[in-house]
């Protein structure tokens, strides 16, 4: 079968960000002169990006602009506003970023990754859509799970598998907790699949206990759904999209949000308050036995684990991509140039 190649033009504009650090007092941030200077520079970059965006939109004449958040969207969103082009934004995180808070004041429609009571957006323009994810993320049957364990290289498919994922670069706290807990988890009969992140792989690999049922990898380059689908318990950071993938799989999950990222902390809190995930902090995972205790207790209490996973699954919106697409089409409908 011949597949036609579609060429999609990519246009790059300037953008700038306001650097702020969760949990750091404002006065300390103001005394960080290099960061203050970078913030001042980026104000000018936003202005340049706004002019570039005006030119791009005036030339391409889109029916609607869709912005996913992040500082790169700010100049384009303001340019759409200036030219009267409908704007739709999507906020994956439970804690809205500065860009989406600014664009949300005039966006035609606002899609959210979490229930609306977690946001201050205008209710008449907001829709709880969830986060669009690949349809391959779905609850695995027992047979599918055991097949996935086999694909990963494990032989005793009846043993419970714990998957640890700290993001692309890895999470030092999770890596430290796993290295300390691994011998005892292995003695308790667990299989371990440890994604260290590229940055930490060499150090973790050299320190990790050598065991056939403890696999250490630097990064999952493809088939993440197989890795997560094989798991009986997942330990992860608090990325909104990743947590939505775990919710779609209905996996019992232990969240260790990055303590310096307010969006991850807020994401984790939403699931914790709904009793749909266990949440641990960086310090207790890095320095104590909190991770070991959480895993063993979660596995021991089967009814609690299953109920938690069931509640977690309710956060998954299988039709999220379709609903977001309909919001975009509706906003652009009837647009005249």
C-alpha atoms as a PDB file:
ATOM      1  CA  UNK A   1       0.000   0.000   0.000  1.00  0.00           C
ATOM      2  CA  UNK A   2       1.333   3.413  -0.927  1.00  0.00           C
ATOM      3  CA  UNK A   3       1.189   6.095   1.718  1.00  0.00           C
ATOM      4  CA  UNK A   4       1.250   9.700   0.581  1.00  0.00           C
ATOM      5  CA  UNK A   5       3.739  11.924   2.348  1.00  0.00           C
ATOM      6  CA  UNK A   6       2.183  15.046   3.822  1.00  0.00           C
ATOM      7  CA  UNK A   7       4.430  18.062   4.207  1.00  0.00           C
ATOM      8  CA  UNK A   8       3.487  20.238   7.181  1.00  0.00           C
ATOM      9  CA  UNK A   9       5.166  23.648   7.274  1.00  0.00           C
ATOM     10  CA  UNK A  10       6.745  24.634  10.578  1.00  0.00           C
ATOM     11  CA  UNK A  11       7.208  28.281  11.527  1.00  0.00           C
ATOM     12  CA  UNK A  12       9.418  29.265  14.458  1.00  0.00           C
ATOM     13  CA  UNK A  13       8.779  32.419  16.475  1.00  0.00           C
ATOM     14  CA  UNK A  14      10.558  33.974  19.428  1.00  0.00           C
ATOM     15  CA  UNK A  15       9.139  33.586  22.915  1.00  0.00           C
ATOM     16  CA  UNK A  16      10.190  34.318  26.467  1.00  0.00           C
ATOM     17  CA  UNK A  17       9.354  32.938  29.880  1.00  0.00           C
ATOM     18  CA  UNK A  18       9.030  34.270  33.394  1.00  0.00           C
ATOM     19  CA  UNK A  19      11.236  32.106  35.591  1.00  0.00           C
ATOM     20  CA  UNK A  20       9.641  31.418  38.962  1.00  0.00           C
ATOM     21  CA  UNK A  21      10.432  28.632  41.392  1.00  0.00           C
ATOM     22  CA  UNK A  22       7.827  26.823  43.434  1.00  0.00           C
ATOM     23  CA  UNK A  23       8.508  26.970  47.157  1.00  0.00           C
ATOM     24  CA  UNK A  24      11.248  29.632  46.892  1.00  0.00           C
ATOM     25  CA  UNK A  25      10.413  32.987  48.572  1.00  0.00           C
ATOM     26  CA  UNK A  26       9.974  35.912  46.202  1.00  0.00           C
ATOM     27  CA  UNK A  27      12.723  37.957  47.854  1.00  0.00           C
ATOM     28  CA  UNK A  28      15.230  35.179  47.211  1.00  0.00           C
ATOM     29  CA  UNK A  29      14.206  35.001  43.570  1.00  0.00           C
ATOM     30  CA  UNK A  30      14.633  38.778  43.213  1.00  0.00           C
ATOM     31  CA  UNK A  31      18.174  38.503  44.588  1.00  0.00           C
ATOM     32  CA  UNK A  32      19.037  35.938  41.917  1.00  0.00           C
ATOM     33  CA  UNK A  33      20.460  38.553  39.530  1.00  0.00           C
ATOM     34  CA  UNK A  34      21.265  36.211  36.581  1.00  0.00           C
ATOM     35  CA  UNK A  35      17.683  34.930  36.576  1.00  0.00           C
ATOM     36  CA  UNK A  36      16.262  38.450  36.862  1.00  0.00           C
ATOM     37  CA  UNK A  37      18.337  39.535  33.868  1.00  0.00           C
ATOM     38  CA  UNK A  38      17.134  36.568  31.833  1.00  0.00           C
ATOM     39  CA  UNK A  39      13.529  37.463  32.698  1.00  0.00           C
ATOM     40  CA  UNK A  40      14.085  41.053  31.531  1.00  0.00           C
ATOM     41  CA  UNK A  41      15.621  39.818  28.289  1.00  0.00           C
ATOM     42  CA  UNK A  42      12.681  37.493  27.691  1.00  0.00           C
ATOM     43  CA  UNK A  43      10.189  40.355  27.958  1.00  0.00           C
ATOM     44  CA  UNK A  44      11.726  41.711  24.763  1.00  0.00           C
ATOM     45  CA  UNK A  45      11.608  38.237  23.190  1.00  0.00           C
ATOM     46  CA  UNK A  46       7.868  38.091  23.870  1.00  0.00           C
ATOM     47  CA  UNK A  47       7.462  41.409  22.061  1.00  0.00           C
ATOM     48  CA  UNK A  48       9.440  40.143  19.081  1.00  0.00           C
ATOM     49  CA  UNK A  49       7.413  36.931  19.046  1.00  0.00           C
ATOM     50  CA  UNK A  50       4.172  38.912  19.113  1.00  0.00           C
ATOM     51  CA  UNK A  51       5.178  40.879  15.992  1.00  0.00           C
ATOM     52  CA  UNK A  52       6.283  37.672  14.264  1.00  0.00           C
ATOM     53  CA  UNK A  53       2.980  36.025  15.208  1.00  0.00           C
ATOM     54  CA  UNK A  54       0.970  38.931  13.807  1.00  0.00           C
ATOM     55  CA  UNK A  55       2.769  38.565  10.486  1.00  0.00           C
ATOM     56  CA  UNK A  56       2.369  34.773  10.459  1.00  0.00           C
ATOM     57  CA  UNK A  57      -1.367  34.829  11.236  1.00  0.00           C
ATOM     58  CA  UNK A  58      -2.104  37.725   8.892  1.00  0.00           C
ATOM     59  CA  UNK A  59      -0.404  35.834   6.090  1.00  0.00           C
ATOM     60  CA  UNK A  60      -1.829  32.344   6.786  1.00  0.00           C
ATOM     61  CA  UNK A  61      -5.346  33.492   7.804  1.00  0.00           C
ATOM     62  CA  UNK A  62      -6.264  30.530  10.062  1.00  0.00           C
ATOM     63  CA  UNK A  63      -9.868  29.916  11.091  1.00  0.00           C
ATOM     64  CA  UNK A  64      -8.848  29.121  14.667  1.00  0.00           C
ATOM     65  CA  UNK A  65      -5.729  28.972  16.833  1.00  0.00           C
ATOM     66  CA  UNK A  66      -5.195  26.104  19.281  1.00  0.00           C
ATOM     67  CA  UNK A  67      -2.708  26.597  22.137  1.00  0.00           C
ATOM     68  CA  UNK A  68      -1.560  23.845  24.478  1.00  0.00           C
ATOM     69  CA  UNK A  69      -0.036  26.119  27.108  1.00  0.00           C
ATOM     70  CA  UNK A  70       3.553  26.918  27.922  1.00  0.00           C
ATOM     71  CA  UNK A  71       5.344  30.204  27.395  1.00  0.00           C
ATOM     72  CA  UNK A  72       5.817  29.581  23.664  1.00  0.00           C
ATOM     73  CA  UNK A  73       2.048  30.035  23.172  1.00  0.00           C
ATOM     74  CA  UNK A  74       1.801  33.485  24.758  1.00  0.00           C
ATOM     75  CA  UNK A  75       2.800  35.749  21.815  1.00  0.00           C
ATOM     76  CA  UNK A  76       0.768  33.672  19.357  1.00  0.00           C
ATOM     77  CA  UNK A  77      -2.309  33.753  21.593  1.00  0.00           C
ATOM     78  CA  UNK A  78      -2.133  37.517  21.981  1.00  0.00           C
ATOM     79  CA  UNK A  79      -1.659  37.918  18.220  1.00  0.00           C
ATOM     80  CA  UNK A  80      -4.799  35.832  17.616  1.00  0.00           C
ATOM     81  CA  UNK A  81      -6.674  38.093  20.004  1.00  0.00           C
ATOM     82  CA  UNK A  82      -5.420  41.226  18.242  1.00  0.00           C
ATOM     83  CA  UNK A  83      -6.547  39.901  14.852  1.00  0.00           C
ATOM     84  CA  UNK A  84      -9.927  38.604  16.062  1.00  0.00           C
ATOM     85  CA  UNK A  85      -9.049  34.947  15.397  1.00  0.00           C
ATOM     86  CA  UNK A  86     -10.869  32.446  17.662  1.00  0.00           C
ATOM     87  CA  UNK A  87      -8.605  30.856  20.288  1.00  0.00           C
ATOM     88  CA  UNK A  88      -8.961  27.490  22.004  1.00  0.00           C
ATOM     89  CA  UNK A  89      -6.594  26.476  24.816  1.00  0.00           C
ATOM     90  CA  UNK A  90      -6.026  23.184  26.604  1.00  0.00           C
ATOM     91  CA  UNK A  91      -4.632  22.846  30.132  1.00  0.00           C
ATOM     92  CA  UNK A  92      -3.326  19.384  31.005  1.00  0.00           C
ATOM     93  CA  UNK A  93      -2.126  20.331  34.484  1.00  0.00           C
ATOM     94  CA  UNK A  94      -4.406  20.890  37.439  1.00  0.00           C
ATOM     95  CA  UNK A  95      -2.404  24.007  38.300  1.00  0.00           C
ATOM     96  CA  UNK A  96      -2.848  26.415  35.365  1.00  0.00           C
ATOM     97  CA  UNK A  97       0.369  27.915  34.063  1.00  0.00           C
ATOM     98  CA  UNK A  98       0.880  31.646  33.696  1.00  0.00           C
ATOM     99  CA  UNK A  99       0.378  31.559  29.911  1.00  0.00           C
ATOM    100  CA  UNK A 100      -2.970  29.784  30.091  1.00  0.00           C
ATOM    101  CA  UNK A 101      -4.133  32.058  32.893  1.00  0.00           C
ATOM    102  CA  UNK A 102      -3.448  35.028  30.629  1.00  0.00           C
ATOM    103  CA  UNK A 103      -4.958  33.516  27.482  1.00  0.00           C
ATOM    104  CA  UNK A 104      -7.916  32.096  29.379  1.00  0.00           C
ATOM    105  CA  UNK A 105      -9.265  35.608  29.947  1.00  0.00           C
ATOM    106  CA  UNK A 106     -10.314  35.869  26.303  1.00  0.00           C
ATOM    107  CA  UNK A 107     -10.110  32.334  24.847  1.00  0.00           C
ATOM    108  CA  UNK A 108     -13.284  31.187  23.087  1.00  0.00           C
ATOM    109  CA  UNK A 109     -13.055  27.756  24.699  1.00  0.00           C
ATOM    110  CA  UNK A 110     -10.927  26.250  27.465  1.00  0.00           C
ATOM    111  CA  UNK A 111     -10.355  22.498  27.698  1.00  0.00           C
ATOM    112  CA  UNK A 112      -9.088  21.098  31.006  1.00  0.00           C
ATOM    113  CA  UNK A 113      -7.321  17.893  31.946  1.00  0.00           C
ATOM    114  CA  UNK A 114      -8.915  17.694  35.405  1.00  0.00           C
ATOM    115  CA  UNK A 115     -12.405  18.427  36.778  1.00  0.00           C
ATOM    116  CA  UNK A 116     -13.392  22.094  36.535  1.00  0.00           C
ATOM    117  CA  UNK A 117     -13.492  22.703  40.297  1.00  0.00           C
ATOM    118  CA  UNK A 118      -9.685  22.652  40.219  1.00  0.00           C
ATOM    119  CA  UNK A 119      -9.542  25.779  38.043  1.00  0.00           C
ATOM    120  CA  UNK A 120     -10.558  29.433  38.139  1.00  0.00           C
ATOM    121  CA  UNK A 121     -11.476  29.566  34.458  1.00  0.00           C
ATOM    122  CA  UNK A 122     -14.909  30.967  33.458  1.00  0.00           C
ATOM    123  CA  UNK A 123     -17.324  28.026  33.638  1.00  0.00           C
ATOM    124  CA  UNK A 124     -19.324  29.108  30.595  1.00  0.00           C
ATOM    125  CA  UNK A 125     -16.279  28.677  28.356  1.00  0.00           C
ATOM    126  CA  UNK A 126     -14.637  25.701  30.085  1.00  0.00           C
ATOM    127  CA  UNK A 127     -15.050  21.994  29.375  1.00  0.00           C
ATOM    128  CA  UNK A 128     -13.529  19.092  31.318  1.00  0.00           C
ATOM    129  CA  UNK A 129     -12.151  17.048  28.423  1.00  0.00           C
ATOM    130  CA  UNK A 130      -9.312  15.134  30.025  1.00  0.00           C
ATOM    131  CA  UNK A 131      -5.958  14.777  28.270  1.00  0.00           C
ATOM    132  CA  UNK A 132      -5.859  13.250  24.771  1.00  0.00           C
ATOM    133  CA  UNK A 133      -3.731  10.093  24.845  1.00  0.00           C
ATOM    134  CA  UNK A 134      -3.110   7.115  22.583  1.00  0.00           C
ATOM    135  CA  UNK A 135      -6.009   4.645  22.478  1.00  0.00           C
ATOM    136  CA  UNK A 136      -3.500   1.841  23.132  1.00  0.00           C
ATOM    137  CA  UNK A 137      -3.676   2.839  26.806  1.00  0.00           C
ATOM    138  CA  UNK A 138      -6.555   0.738  28.100  1.00  0.00           C
ATOM    139  CA  UNK A 139      -7.080  -1.707  30.981  1.00  0.00           C
ATOM    140  CA  UNK A 140      -5.065  -4.862  30.279  1.00  0.00           C
ATOM    141  CA  UNK A 141      -6.579  -8.293  30.748  1.00  0.00           C
ATOM    142  CA  UNK A 142      -4.570 -10.775  32.810  1.00  0.00           C
ATOM    143  CA  UNK A 143      -3.466 -12.500  29.608  1.00  0.00           C
ATOM    144  CA  UNK A 144      -2.354  -9.186  28.048  1.00  0.00           C
ATOM    145  CA  UNK A 145      -0.454  -8.283  31.203  1.00  0.00           C
ATOM    146  CA  UNK A 146       1.412 -11.586  31.341  1.00  0.00           C
ATOM    147  CA  UNK A 147       2.278 -11.312  27.656  1.00  0.00           C
ATOM    148  CA  UNK A 148       3.659  -7.829  28.300  1.00  0.00           C
ATOM    149  CA  UNK A 149       5.800  -9.158  31.180  1.00  0.00           C
ATOM    150  CA  UNK A 150       7.171 -11.799  28.835  1.00  0.00           C
ATOM    151  CA  UNK A 151       7.972  -9.164  26.195  1.00  0.00           C
ATOM    152  CA  UNK A 152       9.966  -7.234  28.820  1.00  0.00           C
ATOM    153  CA  UNK A 153      12.052 -10.356  29.454  1.00  0.00           C
ATOM    154  CA  UNK A 154      10.641 -11.708  32.709  1.00  0.00           C
ATOM    155  CA  UNK A 155      10.091 -15.449  33.085  1.00  0.00           C
ATOM    156  CA  UNK A 156       8.057 -15.866  36.281  1.00  0.00           C
ATOM    157  CA  UNK A 157       4.920 -14.140  35.032  1.00  0.00           C
ATOM    158  CA  UNK A 158       2.923 -14.781  38.212  1.00  0.00           C
ATOM    159  CA  UNK A 159       5.102 -12.529  40.360  1.00  0.00           C
ATOM    160  CA  UNK A 160       3.972  -8.907  40.847  1.00  0.00           C
ATOM    161  CA  UNK A 161       5.873  -6.351  38.764  1.00  0.00           C
ATOM    162  CA  UNK A 162       6.695  -2.848  39.974  1.00  0.00           C
ATOM    163  CA  UNK A 163       7.661  -0.309  37.291  1.00  0.00           C
ATOM    164  CA  UNK A 164       9.579   2.813  38.344  1.00  0.00           C
ATOM    165  CA  UNK A 165       9.604   5.802  35.981  1.00  0.00           C
ATOM    166  CA  UNK A 166      11.120   9.175  36.837  1.00  0.00           C
ATOM    167  CA  UNK A 167      10.733  10.959  33.502  1.00  0.00           C
ATOM    168  CA  UNK A 168      13.085  11.317  30.544  1.00  0.00           C
ATOM    169  CA  UNK A 169      16.025  12.635  32.566  1.00  0.00           C
ATOM    170  CA  UNK A 170      15.122  10.577  35.600  1.00  0.00           C
ATOM    171  CA  UNK A 171      14.385  11.484  39.212  1.00  0.00           C
ATOM    172  CA  UNK A 172      17.231  11.311  41.717  1.00  0.00           C
ATOM    173  CA  UNK A 173      14.884  10.731  44.646  1.00  0.00           C
ATOM    174  CA  UNK A 174      13.092   7.794  43.006  1.00  0.00           C
ATOM    175  CA  UNK A 175      16.377   6.280  41.836  1.00  0.00           C
ATOM    176  CA  UNK A 176      17.817   6.511  45.348  1.00  0.00           C
ATOM    177  CA  UNK A 177      14.706   4.974  46.878  1.00  0.00           C
ATOM    178  CA  UNK A 178      14.694   2.100  44.405  1.00  0.00           C
ATOM    179  CA  UNK A 179      18.388   1.300  44.914  1.00  0.00           C
ATOM    180  CA  UNK A 180      17.869   1.118  48.674  1.00  0.00           C
ATOM    181  CA  UNK A 181      14.617  -0.865  48.469  1.00  0.00           C
ATOM    182  CA  UNK A 182      15.438  -3.264  45.622  1.00  0.00           C
ATOM    183  CA  UNK A 183      17.106  -6.065  47.655  1.00  0.00           C
ATOM    184  CA  UNK A 184      14.186  -6.282  50.093  1.00  0.00           C
ATOM    185  CA  UNK A 185      11.571  -6.036  47.337  1.00  0.00           C
ATOM    186  CA  UNK A 186      13.264  -8.855  45.451  1.00  0.00           C
ATOM    187  CA  UNK A 187      13.310 -10.965  48.626  1.00  0.00           C
ATOM    188  CA  UNK A 188       9.575 -10.335  48.979  1.00  0.00           C
ATOM    189  CA  UNK A 189       8.987 -11.781  45.501  1.00  0.00           C
ATOM    190  CA  UNK A 190       8.604  -8.663  43.360  1.00  0.00           C
ATOM    191  CA  UNK A 191       9.824  -8.180  39.803  1.00  0.00           C
ATOM    192  CA  UNK A 192      11.400  -4.756  39.239  1.00  0.00           C
ATOM    193  CA  UNK A 193      11.645  -2.674  36.054  1.00  0.00           C
ATOM    194  CA  UNK A 194      13.580   0.519  36.744  1.00  0.00           C
ATOM    195  CA  UNK A 195      13.647   3.331  34.174  1.00  0.00           C
ATOM    196  CA  UNK A 196      16.453   5.527  35.514  1.00  0.00           C
ATOM    197  CA  UNK A 197      16.455   8.365  32.961  1.00  0.00           C
ATOM    198  CA  UNK A 198      19.415   9.018  30.676  1.00  0.00           C
ATOM    199  CA  UNK A 199      21.142  11.353  33.103  1.00  0.00           C
ATOM    200  CA  UNK A 200      21.369   8.834  35.948  1.00  0.00           C
ATOM    201  CA  UNK A 201      21.678   5.511  34.117  1.00  0.00           C
ATOM    202  CA  UNK A 202      25.417   4.862  34.482  1.00  0.00           C
ATOM    203  CA  UNK A 203      25.491   5.690  38.188  1.00  0.00           C
ATOM    204  CA  UNK A 204      22.368   3.643  38.955  1.00  0.00           C
ATOM    205  CA  UNK A 205      23.464   0.672  36.858  1.00  0.00           C
ATOM    206  CA  UNK A 206      26.813   0.464  38.639  1.00  0.00           C
ATOM    207  CA  UNK A 207      25.158   0.677  42.085  1.00  0.00           C
ATOM    208  CA  UNK A 208      22.156  -1.584  41.464  1.00  0.00           C
ATOM    209  CA  UNK A 209      22.012  -5.078  42.888  1.00  0.00           C
ATOM    210  CA  UNK A 210      22.613  -7.661  40.155  1.00  0.00           C
ATOM    211  CA  UNK A 211      19.538  -9.860  39.865  1.00  0.00           C
ATOM    212  CA  UNK A 212      17.719 -11.546  36.967  1.00  0.00           C
ATOM    213  CA  UNK A 213      14.406 -10.113  38.154  1.00  0.00           C
ATOM    214  CA  UNK A 214      15.655  -6.517  38.460  1.00  0.00           C
ATOM    215  CA  UNK A 215      15.916  -4.793  35.090  1.00  0.00           C
ATOM    216  CA  UNK A 216      17.570  -1.387  34.814  1.00  0.00           C
ATOM    217  CA  UNK A 217      17.043   0.653  31.629  1.00  0.00           C
ATOM    218  CA  UNK A 218      17.909   4.248  30.808  1.00  0.00           C
ATOM    219  CA  UNK A 219      14.898   5.251  28.742  1.00  0.00           C
ATOM    220  CA  UNK A 220      11.858   3.689  27.065  1.00  0.00           C
ATOM    221  CA  UNK A 221      12.203   4.594  23.410  1.00  0.00           C
ATOM    222  CA  UNK A 222       9.013   2.859  22.238  1.00  0.00           C
ATOM    223  CA  UNK A 223       6.110   0.750  23.493  1.00  0.00           C
ATOM    224  CA  UNK A 224       5.691   2.505  26.829  1.00  0.00           C
ATOM    225  CA  UNK A 225       2.194   1.067  26.875  1.00  0.00           C
ATOM    226  CA  UNK A 226       3.737  -2.417  27.068  1.00  0.00           C
ATOM    227  CA  UNK A 227       5.971  -1.407  29.989  1.00  0.00           C
ATOM    228  CA  UNK A 228       3.124   0.175  31.944  1.00  0.00           C
ATOM    229  CA  UNK A 229       0.590  -2.462  30.913  1.00  0.00           C
ATOM    230  CA  UNK A 230       2.842  -5.175  32.345  1.00  0.00           C
ATOM    231  CA  UNK A 231       2.993  -3.478  35.751  1.00  0.00           C
ATOM    232  CA  UNK A 232       1.035  -4.424  38.856  1.00  0.00           C
ATOM    233  CA  UNK A 233       2.162  -1.214  40.578  1.00  0.00           C
ATOM    234  CA  UNK A 234       3.695   1.912  39.013  1.00  0.00           C
ATOM    235  CA  UNK A 235       5.852   4.513  40.747  1.00  0.00           C
ATOM    236  CA  UNK A 236       6.032   7.747  38.781  1.00  0.00           C
ATOM    237  CA  UNK A 237       6.486  11.506  38.788  1.00  0.00           C
ATOM    238  CA  UNK A 238       3.457  13.807  38.561  1.00  0.00           C
ATOM    239  CA  UNK A 239       3.357  14.696  34.864  1.00  0.00           C
ATOM    240  CA  UNK A 240      -0.263  15.313  33.863  1.00  0.00           C
ATOM    241  CA  UNK A 241      -0.178  13.364  30.606  1.00  0.00           C
ATOM    242  CA  UNK A 242       1.708  10.409  32.095  1.00  0.00           C
ATOM    243  CA  UNK A 243      -0.762  10.181  34.972  1.00  0.00           C
ATOM    244  CA  UNK A 244      -3.651  10.222  32.492  1.00  0.00           C
ATOM    245  CA  UNK A 245      -2.045   7.293  30.666  1.00  0.00           C
ATOM    246  CA  UNK A 246      -1.823   5.402  33.957  1.00  0.00           C
ATOM    247  CA  UNK A 247      -5.440   6.291  34.733  1.00  0.00           C
ATOM    248  CA  UNK A 248      -6.500   4.927  31.352  1.00  0.00           C
ATOM    249  CA  UNK A 249      -4.680   1.677  32.179  1.00  0.00           C
ATOM    250  CA  UNK A 250      -6.250   1.638  35.643  1.00  0.00           C
ATOM    251  CA  UNK A 251      -2.910   0.988  37.334  1.00  0.00           C
ATOM    252  CA  UNK A 252      -2.353   1.171  41.108  1.00  0.00           C
ATOM    253  CA  UNK A 253       0.030   4.122  41.242  1.00  0.00           C
ATOM    254  CA  UNK A 254       2.414   5.726  43.714  1.00  0.00           C
ATOM    255  CA  UNK A 255       3.112   9.340  42.729  1.00  0.00           C
ATOM    256  CA  UNK A 256       6.300  11.109  43.772  1.00  0.00           C
ATOM    257  CA  UNK A 257       5.837  14.640  42.404  1.00  0.00           C
ATOM    258  CA  UNK A 258       8.919  16.767  41.814  1.00  0.00           C
ATOM    259  CA  UNK A 259       8.946  18.967  44.911  1.00  0.00           C
ATOM    260  CA  UNK A 260      10.129  22.042  42.974  1.00  0.00           C
ATOM    261  CA  UNK A 261       7.368  21.819  40.357  1.00  0.00           C
ATOM    262  CA  UNK A 262       4.082  23.216  41.623  1.00  0.00           C
ATOM    263  CA  UNK A 263       2.087  21.736  38.752  1.00  0.00           C
ATOM    264  CA  UNK A 264       3.189  18.195  39.653  1.00  0.00           C
ATOM    265  CA  UNK A 265       2.464  18.754  43.334  1.00  0.00           C
ATOM    266  CA  UNK A 266      -1.058  19.981  42.502  1.00  0.00           C
ATOM    267  CA  UNK A 267      -1.644  17.138  40.012  1.00  0.00           C
ATOM    268  CA  UNK A 268      -0.729  14.591  42.661  1.00  0.00           C
ATOM    269  CA  UNK A 269      -2.920  16.256  45.283  1.00  0.00           C
ATOM    270  CA  UNK A 270      -6.031  15.888  43.111  1.00  0.00           C
ATOM    271  CA  UNK A 271      -5.558  12.122  42.850  1.00  0.00           C
ATOM    272  CA  UNK A 272      -4.618  11.809  46.524  1.00  0.00           C
ATOM    273  CA  UNK A 273      -7.749  13.651  47.648  1.00  0.00           C
ATOM    274  CA  UNK A 274      -9.841  11.305  45.498  1.00  0.00           C
ATOM    275  CA  UNK A 275      -8.102   8.284  47.114  1.00  0.00           C
ATOM    276  CA  UNK A 276      -7.088   7.151  43.640  1.00  0.00           C
ATOM    277  CA  UNK A 277      -3.303   7.132  44.165  1.00  0.00           C
ATOM    278  CA  UNK A 278      -0.701   7.048  46.915  1.00  0.00           C
ATOM    279  CA  UNK A 279       1.409  10.223  47.088  1.00  0.00           C
ATOM    280  CA  UNK A 280       4.897  10.396  48.624  1.00  0.00           C
ATOM    281  CA  UNK A 281       7.255  13.353  48.856  1.00  0.00           C
ATOM    282  CA  UNK A 282      10.797  13.487  47.496  1.00  0.00           C
ATOM    283  CA  UNK A 283      12.496  13.623  50.890  1.00  0.00           C
ATOM    284  CA  UNK A 284      10.816  10.523  52.350  1.00  0.00           C
ATOM    285  CA  UNK A 285      11.547   8.528  49.193  1.00  0.00           C
ATOM    286  CA  UNK A 286      15.156   9.681  48.973  1.00  0.00           C
ATOM    287  CA  UNK A 287      16.092   9.285  52.626  1.00  0.00           C
ATOM    288  CA  UNK A 288      13.732   6.792  54.226  1.00  0.00           C
ATOM    289  CA  UNK A 289      11.812   3.579  53.638  1.00  0.00           C
ATOM    290  CA  UNK A 290       8.565   5.240  52.549  1.00  0.00           C
ATOM    291  CA  UNK A 291       8.758   3.748  49.057  1.00  0.00           C
ATOM    292  CA  UNK A 292       9.349   0.206  50.320  1.00  0.00           C
ATOM    293  CA  UNK A 293       6.510   0.501  52.832  1.00  0.00           C
ATOM    294  CA  UNK A 294       4.079   1.970  50.311  1.00  0.00           C
ATOM    295  CA  UNK A 295       4.719  -0.786  47.767  1.00  0.00           C
ATOM    296  CA  UNK A 296       4.462  -3.653  50.258  1.00  0.00           C
ATOM    297  CA  UNK A 297       1.330  -2.256  51.930  1.00  0.00           C
ATOM    298  CA  UNK A 298      -0.351  -1.584  48.596  1.00  0.00           C
ATOM    299  CA  UNK A 299       0.325  -5.111  47.406  1.00  0.00           C
ATOM    300  CA  UNK A 300      -0.752  -6.688  50.690  1.00  0.00           C
ATOM    301  CA  UNK A 301      -4.130  -4.901  50.708  1.00  0.00           C
ATOM    302  CA  UNK A 302      -5.656  -6.279  47.524  1.00  0.00           C
ATOM    303  CA  UNK A 303      -9.139  -4.837  48.016  1.00  0.00           C
ATOM    304  CA  UNK A 304      -7.703  -1.381  48.746  1.00  0.00           C
ATOM    305  CA  UNK A 305      -5.432  -1.592  45.714  1.00  0.00           C
ATOM    306  CA  UNK A 306      -8.232  -2.601  43.369  1.00  0.00           C
ATOM    307  CA  UNK A 307     -10.595   0.063  44.688  1.00  0.00           C
ATOM    308  CA  UNK A 308      -7.909   2.722  44.306  1.00  0.00           C
ATOM    309  CA  UNK A 309      -7.196   1.657  40.722  1.00  0.00           C
ATOM    310  CA  UNK A 310     -10.913   1.718  39.933  1.00  0.00           C
ATOM    311  CA  UNK A 311     -11.227   5.280  41.232  1.00  0.00           C
ATOM    312  CA  UNK A 312      -8.107   6.251  39.268  1.00  0.00           C
ATOM    313  CA  UNK A 313      -9.674   4.873  36.105  1.00  0.00           C
ATOM    314  CA  UNK A 314     -12.617   7.288  36.453  1.00  0.00           C
ATOM    315  CA  UNK A 315     -10.244  10.165  35.657  1.00  0.00           C
ATOM    316  CA  UNK A 316      -9.521   8.731  32.206  1.00  0.00           C
ATOM    317  CA  UNK A 317     -11.428  10.360  29.363  1.00  0.00           C
ATOM    318  CA  UNK A 318     -11.282   7.935  26.460  1.00  0.00           C
ATOM    319  CA  UNK A 319     -12.890  10.455  24.096  1.00  0.00           C
ATOM    320  CA  UNK A 320     -10.690  13.408  25.105  1.00  0.00           C
ATOM    321  CA  UNK A 321      -9.144  13.893  21.660  1.00  0.00           C
ATOM    322  CA  UNK A 322     -12.560  13.897  19.985  1.00  0.00           C
ATOM    323  CA  UNK A 323     -14.036  16.397  22.444  1.00  0.00           C
ATOM    324  CA  UNK A 324     -11.068  18.761  22.085  1.00  0.00           C
ATOM    325  CA  UNK A 325     -11.286  18.512  18.296  1.00  0.00           C
ATOM    326  CA  UNK A 326     -14.992  19.398  18.415  1.00  0.00           C
ATOM    327  CA  UNK A 327     -14.217  22.476  20.527  1.00  0.00           C
ATOM    328  CA  UNK A 328     -11.666  23.605  17.949  1.00  0.00           C
ATOM    329  CA  UNK A 329     -14.040  23.024  15.029  1.00  0.00           C
ATOM    330  CA  UNK A 330     -16.870  24.808  16.787  1.00  0.00           C
ATOM    331  CA  UNK A 331     -14.707  27.847  17.534  1.00  0.00           C
ATOM    332  CA  UNK A 332     -13.562  28.090  13.945  1.00  0.00           C
ATOM    333  CA  UNK A 333     -16.986  27.491  12.406  1.00  0.00           C
ATOM    334  CA  UNK A 334     -18.273  30.415  10.454  1.00  0.00           C
ATOM    335  CA  UNK A 335     -14.998  32.305  10.632  1.00  0.00           C
ATOM    336  CA  UNK A 336     -14.873  34.862   7.836  1.00  0.00           C
ATOM    337  CA  UNK A 337     -11.724  36.550   6.583  1.00  0.00           C
END
